[in-house]
Amino acid sequence: SVLDRFTISRDNARRMVYLQMNSLKSE
């Protein structure tokens, strides 16, 4: 349901995890 819209990434050095969410839908 999120393929091609969301992108996950991790930055081990900064101890961070991210989720970029584009083209968001009500669902």
PDB file of all heavy atoms in Angstrom:
ATOM      1  N   SER A   1       0.807  -1.221   0.000  1.00  0.00           N
ATOM      2  CA  SER A   1       0.000   0.000   0.000  1.00  0.00           C
ATOM      3  C   SER A   1       0.839   1.270   0.000  1.00  0.00           C
ATOM      4  O   SER A   1       0.331   2.351  -0.307  1.00  0.00           O
ATOM      5  CB  SER A   1      -0.933   0.014   1.207  1.00  0.00           C
ATOM      6  OG  SER A   1      -0.193  -0.054   2.406  1.00  0.00           O
ATOM      7  N   VAL A   2       2.122   1.164   0.337  1.00  0.00           N
ATOM      8  CA  VAL A   2       2.969   2.360   0.387  1.00  0.00           C
ATOM      9  C   VAL A   2       4.106   2.311  -0.618  1.00  0.00           C
ATOM     10  O   VAL A   2       4.907   3.259  -0.711  1.00  0.00           O
ATOM     11  CB  VAL A   2       3.549   2.577   1.802  1.00  0.00           C
ATOM     12  CG1 VAL A   2       2.444   2.577   2.848  1.00  0.00           C
ATOM     13  CG2 VAL A   2       4.620   1.559   2.149  1.00  0.00           C
ATOM     14  N   LEU A   3       4.193   1.235  -1.355  1.00  0.00           N
ATOM     15  CA  LEU A   3       5.268   1.077  -2.340  1.00  0.00           C
ATOM     16  C   LEU A   3       5.270   2.245  -3.315  1.00  0.00           C
ATOM     17  O   LEU A   3       4.217   2.669  -3.793  1.00  0.00           O
ATOM     18  CB  LEU A   3       5.070  -0.242  -3.080  1.00  0.00           C
ATOM     19  CG  LEU A   3       6.254  -0.828  -3.829  1.00  0.00           C
ATOM     20  CD1 LEU A   3       7.413  -1.086  -2.888  1.00  0.00           C
ATOM     21  CD2 LEU A   3       5.846  -2.115  -4.537  1.00  0.00           C
ATOM     22  N   ASP A   4       6.462   2.754  -3.590  1.00  0.00           N
ATOM     23  CA  ASP A   4       6.679   3.883  -4.502  1.00  0.00           C
ATOM     24  C   ASP A   4       6.235   5.221  -3.926  1.00  0.00           C
ATOM     25  O   ASP A   4       6.344   6.251  -4.605  1.00  0.00           O
ATOM     26  CB  ASP A   4       5.979   3.657  -5.849  1.00  0.00           C
ATOM     27  CG  ASP A   4       6.529   2.461  -6.600  1.00  0.00           C
ATOM     28  OD1 ASP A   4       7.743   2.207  -6.468  1.00  0.00           O
ATOM     29  OD2 ASP A   4       5.754   1.798  -7.298  1.00  0.00           O
ATOM     30  N   ARG A   5       5.741   5.235  -2.694  1.00  0.00           N
ATOM     31  CA  ARG A   5       5.361   6.497  -2.047  1.00  0.00           C
ATOM     32  C   ARG A   5       6.204   6.784  -0.814  1.00  0.00           C
ATOM     33  O   ARG A   5       6.486   7.933  -0.510  1.00  0.00           O
ATOM     34  CB  ARG A   5       3.879   6.479  -1.661  1.00  0.00           C
ATOM     35  CG  ARG A   5       2.931   6.320  -2.824  1.00  0.00           C
ATOM     36  CD  ARG A   5       1.480   6.541  -2.386  1.00  0.00           C
ATOM     37  NE  ARG A   5       1.034   5.570  -1.399  1.00  0.00           N
ATOM     38  CZ  ARG A   5       0.573   5.895  -0.189  1.00  0.00           C
ATOM     39  NH1 ARG A   5       0.509   7.167   0.187  1.00  0.00           N
ATOM     40  NH2 ARG A   5       0.169   4.952   0.645  1.00  0.00           N
ATOM     41  N   PHE A   6       6.565   5.735  -0.095  1.00  0.00           N
ATOM     42  CA  PHE A   6       7.318   5.888   1.149  1.00  0.00           C
ATOM     43  C   PHE A   6       8.744   5.378   0.956  1.00  0.00           C
ATOM     44  O   PHE A   6       8.979   4.434   0.184  1.00  0.00           O
ATOM     45  CB  PHE A   6       6.672   5.084   2.266  1.00  0.00           C
ATOM     46  CG  PHE A   6       5.350   5.603   2.763  1.00  0.00           C
ATOM     47  CD1 PHE A   6       4.649   6.600   2.105  1.00  0.00           C
ATOM     48  CD2 PHE A   6       4.803   5.079   3.933  1.00  0.00           C
ATOM     49  CE1 PHE A   6       3.442   7.076   2.571  1.00  0.00           C
ATOM     50  CE2 PHE A   6       3.593   5.539   4.430  1.00  0.00           C
ATOM     51  CZ  PHE A   6       2.903   6.522   3.738  1.00  0.00           C
ATOM     52  N   THR A   7       9.679   5.983   1.701  1.00  0.00           N
ATOM     53  CA  THR A   7      11.070   5.551   1.663  1.00  0.00           C
ATOM     54  C   THR A   7      11.621   5.495   3.078  1.00  0.00           C
ATOM     55  O   THR A   7      11.571   6.491   3.802  1.00  0.00           O
ATOM     56  CB  THR A   7      11.932   6.507   0.827  1.00  0.00           C
ATOM     57  OG1 THR A   7      11.398   6.607  -0.500  1.00  0.00           O
ATOM     58  CG2 THR A   7      13.372   6.004   0.750  1.00  0.00           C
ATOM     59  N   ILE A   8      12.147   4.345   3.440  1.00  0.00           N
ATOM     60  CA  ILE A   8      12.758   4.177   4.758  1.00  0.00           C
ATOM     61  C   ILE A   8      14.274   4.289   4.625  1.00  0.00           C
ATOM     62  O   ILE A   8      14.860   3.878   3.613  1.00  0.00           O
ATOM     63  CB  ILE A   8      12.373   2.825   5.393  1.00  0.00           C
ATOM     64  CG1 ILE A   8      12.855   2.751   6.838  1.00  0.00           C
ATOM     65  CG2 ILE A   8      12.881   1.649   4.562  1.00  0.00           C
ATOM     66  CD1 ILE A   8      12.344   1.535   7.604  1.00  0.00           C
ATOM     67  N   SER A   9      14.892   4.856   5.658  1.00  0.00           N
ATOM     68  CA  SER A   9      16.346   4.933   5.681  1.00  0.00           C
ATOM     69  C   SER A   9      16.816   4.883   7.131  1.00  0.00           C
ATOM     70  O   SER A   9      16.048   5.156   8.044  1.00  0.00           O
ATOM     71  CB  SER A   9      16.854   6.202   4.987  1.00  0.00           C
ATOM     72  OG  SER A   9      16.352   7.356   5.624  1.00  0.00           O
ATOM     73  N   ARG A  10      18.081   4.514   7.303  1.00  0.00           N
ATOM     74  CA  ARG A  10      18.665   4.474   8.632  1.00  0.00           C
ATOM     75  C   ARG A  10      20.043   5.111   8.593  1.00  0.00           C
ATOM     76  O   ARG A  10      20.770   4.957   7.611  1.00  0.00           O
ATOM     77  CB  ARG A  10      18.744   3.036   9.164  1.00  0.00           C
ATOM     78  CG  ARG A  10      19.616   2.101   8.360  1.00  0.00           C
ATOM     79  CD  ARG A  10      19.475   0.637   8.812  1.00  0.00           C
ATOM     80  NE  ARG A  10      20.100   0.387  10.091  1.00  0.00           N
ATOM     81  CZ  ARG A  10      20.031  -0.801  10.732  1.00  0.00           C
ATOM     82  NH1 ARG A  10      19.337  -1.791  10.191  1.00  0.00           N
ATOM     83  NH2 ARG A  10      20.631  -0.978  11.892  1.00  0.00           N
ATOM     84  N   ASP A  11      20.362   5.821   9.649  1.00  0.00           N
ATOM     85  CA  ASP A  11      21.670   6.438   9.789  1.00  0.00           C
ATOM     86  C   ASP A  11      22.262   5.905  11.090  1.00  0.00           C
ATOM     87  O   ASP A  11      21.977   6.422  12.170  1.00  0.00           O
ATOM     88  CB  ASP A  11      21.539   7.966   9.801  1.00  0.00           C
ATOM     89  CG  ASP A  11      22.875   8.682   9.803  1.00  0.00           C
ATOM     90  OD1 ASP A  11      23.872   8.080  10.251  1.00  0.00           O
ATOM     91  OD2 ASP A  11      22.922   9.831   9.368  1.00  0.00           O
ATOM     92  N   ASN A  12      23.054   4.858  10.954  1.00  0.00           N
ATOM     93  CA  ASN A  12      23.581   4.208  12.160  1.00  0.00           C
ATOM     94  C   ASN A  12      24.455   5.161  12.981  1.00  0.00           C
ATOM     95  O   ASN A  12      24.420   5.138  14.213  1.00  0.00           O
ATOM     96  CB  ASN A  12      24.389   2.977  11.771  1.00  0.00           C
ATOM     97  CG  ASN A  12      23.518   1.863  11.221  1.00  0.00           C
ATOM     98  OD1 ASN A  12      22.324   1.807  11.508  1.00  0.00           O
ATOM     99  ND2 ASN A  12      24.109   0.991  10.428  1.00  0.00           N
ATOM    100  N   ALA A  13      25.231   5.977  12.307  1.00  0.00           N
ATOM    101  CA  ALA A  13      26.146   6.879  13.020  1.00  0.00           C
ATOM    102  C   ALA A  13      25.380   7.886  13.874  1.00  0.00           C
ATOM    103  O   ALA A  13      25.816   8.227  14.984  1.00  0.00           O
ATOM    104  CB  ALA A  13      27.043   7.595  12.027  1.00  0.00           C
ATOM    105  N   ARG A  14      24.250   8.361  13.361  1.00  0.00           N
ATOM    106  CA  ARG A  14      23.438   9.338  14.103  1.00  0.00           C
ATOM    107  C   ARG A  14      22.357   8.677  14.943  1.00  0.00           C
ATOM    108  O   ARG A  14      21.615   9.364  15.635  1.00  0.00           O
ATOM    109  CB  ARG A  14      22.813  10.329  13.129  1.00  0.00           C
ATOM    110  CG  ARG A  14      23.800  11.289  12.502  1.00  0.00           C
ATOM    111  CD  ARG A  14      23.095  12.301  11.604  1.00  0.00           C
ATOM    112  NE  ARG A  14      23.990  13.370  11.189  1.00  0.00           N
ATOM    113  CZ  ARG A  14      24.838  13.287  10.200  1.00  0.00           C
ATOM    114  NH1 ARG A  14      24.935  12.164   9.494  1.00  0.00           N
ATOM    115  NH2 ARG A  14      25.610  14.299   9.884  1.00  0.00           N
ATOM    116  N   ARG A  15      22.257   7.342  14.848  1.00  0.00           N
ATOM    117  CA  ARG A  15      21.260   6.588  15.622  1.00  0.00           C
ATOM    118  C   ARG A  15      19.842   7.026  15.265  1.00  0.00           C
ATOM    119  O   ARG A  15      18.999   7.226  16.137  1.00  0.00           O
ATOM    120  CB  ARG A  15      21.509   6.726  17.133  1.00  0.00           C
ATOM    121  CG  ARG A  15      22.892   6.257  17.552  1.00  0.00           C
ATOM    122  CD  ARG A  15      23.133   6.446  19.035  1.00  0.00           C
ATOM    123  NE  ARG A  15      23.101   7.838  19.437  1.00  0.00           N
ATOM    124  CZ  ARG A  15      23.330   8.250  20.683  1.00  0.00           C
ATOM    125  NH1 ARG A  15      23.598   7.375  21.622  1.00  0.00           N
ATOM    126  NH2 ARG A  15      23.280   9.514  20.977  1.00  0.00           N
ATOM    127  N   MET A  16      19.606   7.190  13.970  1.00  0.00           N
ATOM    128  CA  MET A  16      18.328   7.690  13.495  1.00  0.00           C
ATOM    129  C   MET A  16      17.734   6.754  12.446  1.00  0.00           C
ATOM    130  O   MET A  16      18.465   6.109  11.675  1.00  0.00           O
ATOM    131  CB  MET A  16      18.499   9.072  12.862  1.00  0.00           C
ATOM    132  CG  MET A  16      18.964  10.158  13.804  1.00  0.00           C
ATOM    133  SD  MET A  16      17.715  10.612  15.038  1.00  0.00           S
ATOM    134  CE  MET A  16      16.446  11.317  13.987  1.00  0.00           C
ATOM    135  N   VAL A  17      16.414   6.715  12.438  1.00  0.00           N
ATOM    136  CA  VAL A  17      15.671   6.007  11.402  1.00  0.00           C
ATOM    137  C   VAL A  17      14.639   6.987  10.852  1.00  0.00           C
ATOM    138  O   VAL A  17      14.026   7.725  11.614  1.00  0.00           O
ATOM    139  CB  VAL A  17      14.958   4.759  11.948  1.00  0.00           C
ATOM    140  CG1 VAL A  17      14.279   3.996  10.823  1.00  0.00           C
ATOM    141  CG2 VAL A  17      15.940   3.866  12.701  1.00  0.00           C
ATOM    142  N   TYR A  18      14.469   6.980   9.540  1.00  0.00           N
ATOM    143  CA  TYR A  18      13.569   7.943   8.904  1.00  0.00           C
ATOM    144  C   TYR A  18      12.535   7.232   8.038  1.00  0.00           C
ATOM    145  O   TYR A  18      12.771   6.139   7.529  1.00  0.00           O
ATOM    146  CB  TYR A  18      14.362   8.912   8.017  1.00  0.00           C
ATOM    147  CG  TYR A  18      15.453   9.658   8.738  1.00  0.00           C
ATOM    148  CD1 TYR A  18      16.783   9.256   8.631  1.00  0.00           C
ATOM    149  CD2 TYR A  18      15.162  10.768   9.520  1.00  0.00           C
ATOM    150  CE1 TYR A  18      17.793   9.942   9.281  1.00  0.00           C
ATOM    151  CE2 TYR A  18      16.168  11.457  10.179  1.00  0.00           C
ATOM    152  CZ  TYR A  18      17.479  11.033  10.058  1.00  0.00           C
ATOM    153  OH  TYR A  18      18.479  11.715  10.716  1.00  0.00           O
ATOM    154  N   LEU A  19      11.410   7.910   7.867  1.00  0.00           N
ATOM    155  CA  LEU A  19      10.411   7.450   6.917  1.00  0.00           C
ATOM    156  C   LEU A  19       9.915   8.672   6.150  1.00  0.00           C
ATOM    157  O   LEU A  19       9.225   9.516   6.721  1.00  0.00           O
ATOM    158  CB  LEU A  19       9.243   6.751   7.618  1.00  0.00           C
ATOM    159  CG  LEU A  19       8.204   6.144   6.673  1.00  0.00           C
ATOM    160  CD1 LEU A  19       8.801   4.970   5.912  1.00  0.00           C
ATOM    161  CD2 LEU A  19       6.960   5.697   7.440  1.00  0.00           C
ATOM    162  N   GLN A  20      10.290   8.755   4.887  1.00  0.00           N
ATOM    163  CA  GLN A  20       9.807   9.815   4.018  1.00  0.00           C
ATOM    164  C   GLN A  20       8.505   9.343   3.391  1.00  0.00           C
ATOM    165  O   GLN A  20       8.478   8.291   2.741  1.00  0.00           O
ATOM    166  CB  GLN A  20      10.836  10.134   2.935  1.00  0.00           C
ATOM    167  CG  GLN A  20      10.390  11.192   1.947  1.00  0.00           C
ATOM    168  CD  GLN A  20      10.218  12.553   2.579  1.00  0.00           C
ATOM    169  OE1 GLN A  20      11.037  12.989   3.385  1.00  0.00           O
ATOM    170  NE2 GLN A  20       9.134  13.241   2.230  1.00  0.00           N
ATOM    171  N   MET A  21       7.456  10.116   3.589  1.00  0.00           N
ATOM    172  CA  MET A  21       6.131   9.743   3.098  1.00  0.00           C
ATOM    173  C   MET A  21       5.651  10.792   2.114  1.00  0.00           C
ATOM    174  O   MET A  21       5.479  11.960   2.482  1.00  0.00           O
ATOM    175  CB  MET A  21       5.146   9.617   4.271  1.00  0.00           C
ATOM    176  CG  MET A  21       5.621   8.675   5.367  1.00  0.00           C
ATOM    177  SD  MET A  21       4.376   8.389   6.639  1.00  0.00           S
ATOM    178  CE  MET A  21       4.240  10.028   7.337  1.00  0.00           C
ATOM    179  N   ASN A  22       5.449  10.386   0.883  1.00  0.00           N
ATOM    180  CA  ASN A  22       4.965  11.274  -0.167  1.00  0.00           C
ATOM    181  C   ASN A  22       3.601  10.814  -0.679  1.00  0.00           C
ATOM    182  O   ASN A  22       3.197   9.677  -0.433  1.00  0.00           O
ATOM    183  CB  ASN A  22       5.965  11.292  -1.330  1.00  0.00           C
ATOM    184  CG  ASN A  22       7.330  11.799  -0.937  1.00  0.00           C
ATOM    185  OD1 ASN A  22       7.465  12.670  -0.061  1.00  0.00           O
ATOM    186  ND2 ASN A  22       8.369  11.268  -1.567  1.00  0.00           N
ATOM    187  N   SER A  23       2.939  11.694  -1.369  1.00  0.00           N
ATOM    188  CA  SER A  23       1.624  11.379  -1.963  1.00  0.00           C
ATOM    189  C   SER A  23       0.703  10.735  -0.934  1.00  0.00           C
ATOM    190  O   SER A  23       0.079   9.696  -1.187  1.00  0.00           O
ATOM    191  CB  SER A  23       1.807  10.442  -3.166  1.00  0.00           C
ATOM    192  OG  SER A  23       2.644  11.018  -4.127  1.00  0.00           O
ATOM    193  N   LEU A  24       0.612  11.366   0.212  1.00  0.00           N
ATOM    194  CA  LEU A  24      -0.165  10.789   1.315  1.00  0.00           C
ATOM    195  C   LEU A  24      -1.644  10.726   0.982  1.00  0.00           C
ATOM    196  O   LEU A  24      -2.193  11.600   0.296  1.00  0.00           O
ATOM    197  CB  LEU A  24       0.074  11.584   2.591  1.00  0.00           C
ATOM    198  CG  LEU A  24       1.415  11.285   3.258  1.00  0.00           C
ATOM    199  CD1 LEU A  24       1.804  12.402   4.227  1.00  0.00           C
ATOM    200  CD2 LEU A  24       1.356   9.954   3.987  1.00  0.00           C
ATOM    201  N   LYS A  25      -2.266   9.665   1.493  1.00  0.00           N
ATOM    202  CA  LYS A  25      -3.686   9.415   1.281  1.00  0.00           C
ATOM    203  C   LYS A  25      -4.402   9.353   2.632  1.00  0.00           C
ATOM    204  O   LYS A  25      -3.763   9.123   3.667  1.00  0.00           O
ATOM    205  CB  LYS A  25      -3.881   8.089   0.547  1.00  0.00           C
ATOM    206  CG  LYS A  25      -3.122   7.961  -0.759  1.00  0.00           C
ATOM    207  CD  LYS A  25      -3.285   6.566  -1.346  1.00  0.00           C
ATOM    208  CE  LYS A  25      -2.499   6.408  -2.644  1.00  0.00           C
ATOM    209  NZ  LYS A  25      -2.654   5.047  -3.208  1.00  0.00           N
ATOM    210  N   SER A  26      -5.703   9.513   2.603  1.00  0.00           N
ATOM    211  CA  SER A  26      -6.466   9.471   3.855  1.00  0.00           C
ATOM    212  C   SER A  26      -6.269   8.133   4.566  1.00  0.00           C
ATOM    213  O   SER A  26      -6.257   8.081   5.800  1.00  0.00           O
ATOM    214  CB  SER A  26      -7.938   9.723   3.583  1.00  0.00           C
ATOM    215  OG  SER A  26      -8.453   8.762   2.676  1.00  0.00           O
ATOM    216  N   GLU A  27      -6.102   7.072   3.796  1.00  0.00           N
ATOM    217  CA  GLU A  27      -5.925   5.752   4.406  1.00  0.00           C
ATOM    218  C   GLU A  27      -4.566   5.570   5.067  1.00  0.00           C
ATOM    219  O   GLU A  27      -4.311   4.537   5.700  1.00  0.00           O
ATOM    220  CB  GLU A  27      -6.160   4.640   3.386  1.00  0.00           C
ATOM    221  CG  GLU A  27      -5.402   4.791   2.089  1.00  0.00           C
ATOM    222  CD  GLU A  27      -6.251   5.420   0.992  1.00  0.00           C
ATOM    223  OE1 GLU A  27      -6.964   6.407   1.283  1.00  0.00           O
ATOM    224  OE2 GLU A  27      -6.177   4.924  -0.147  1.00  0.00           O
TER     225      GLU A  27
END
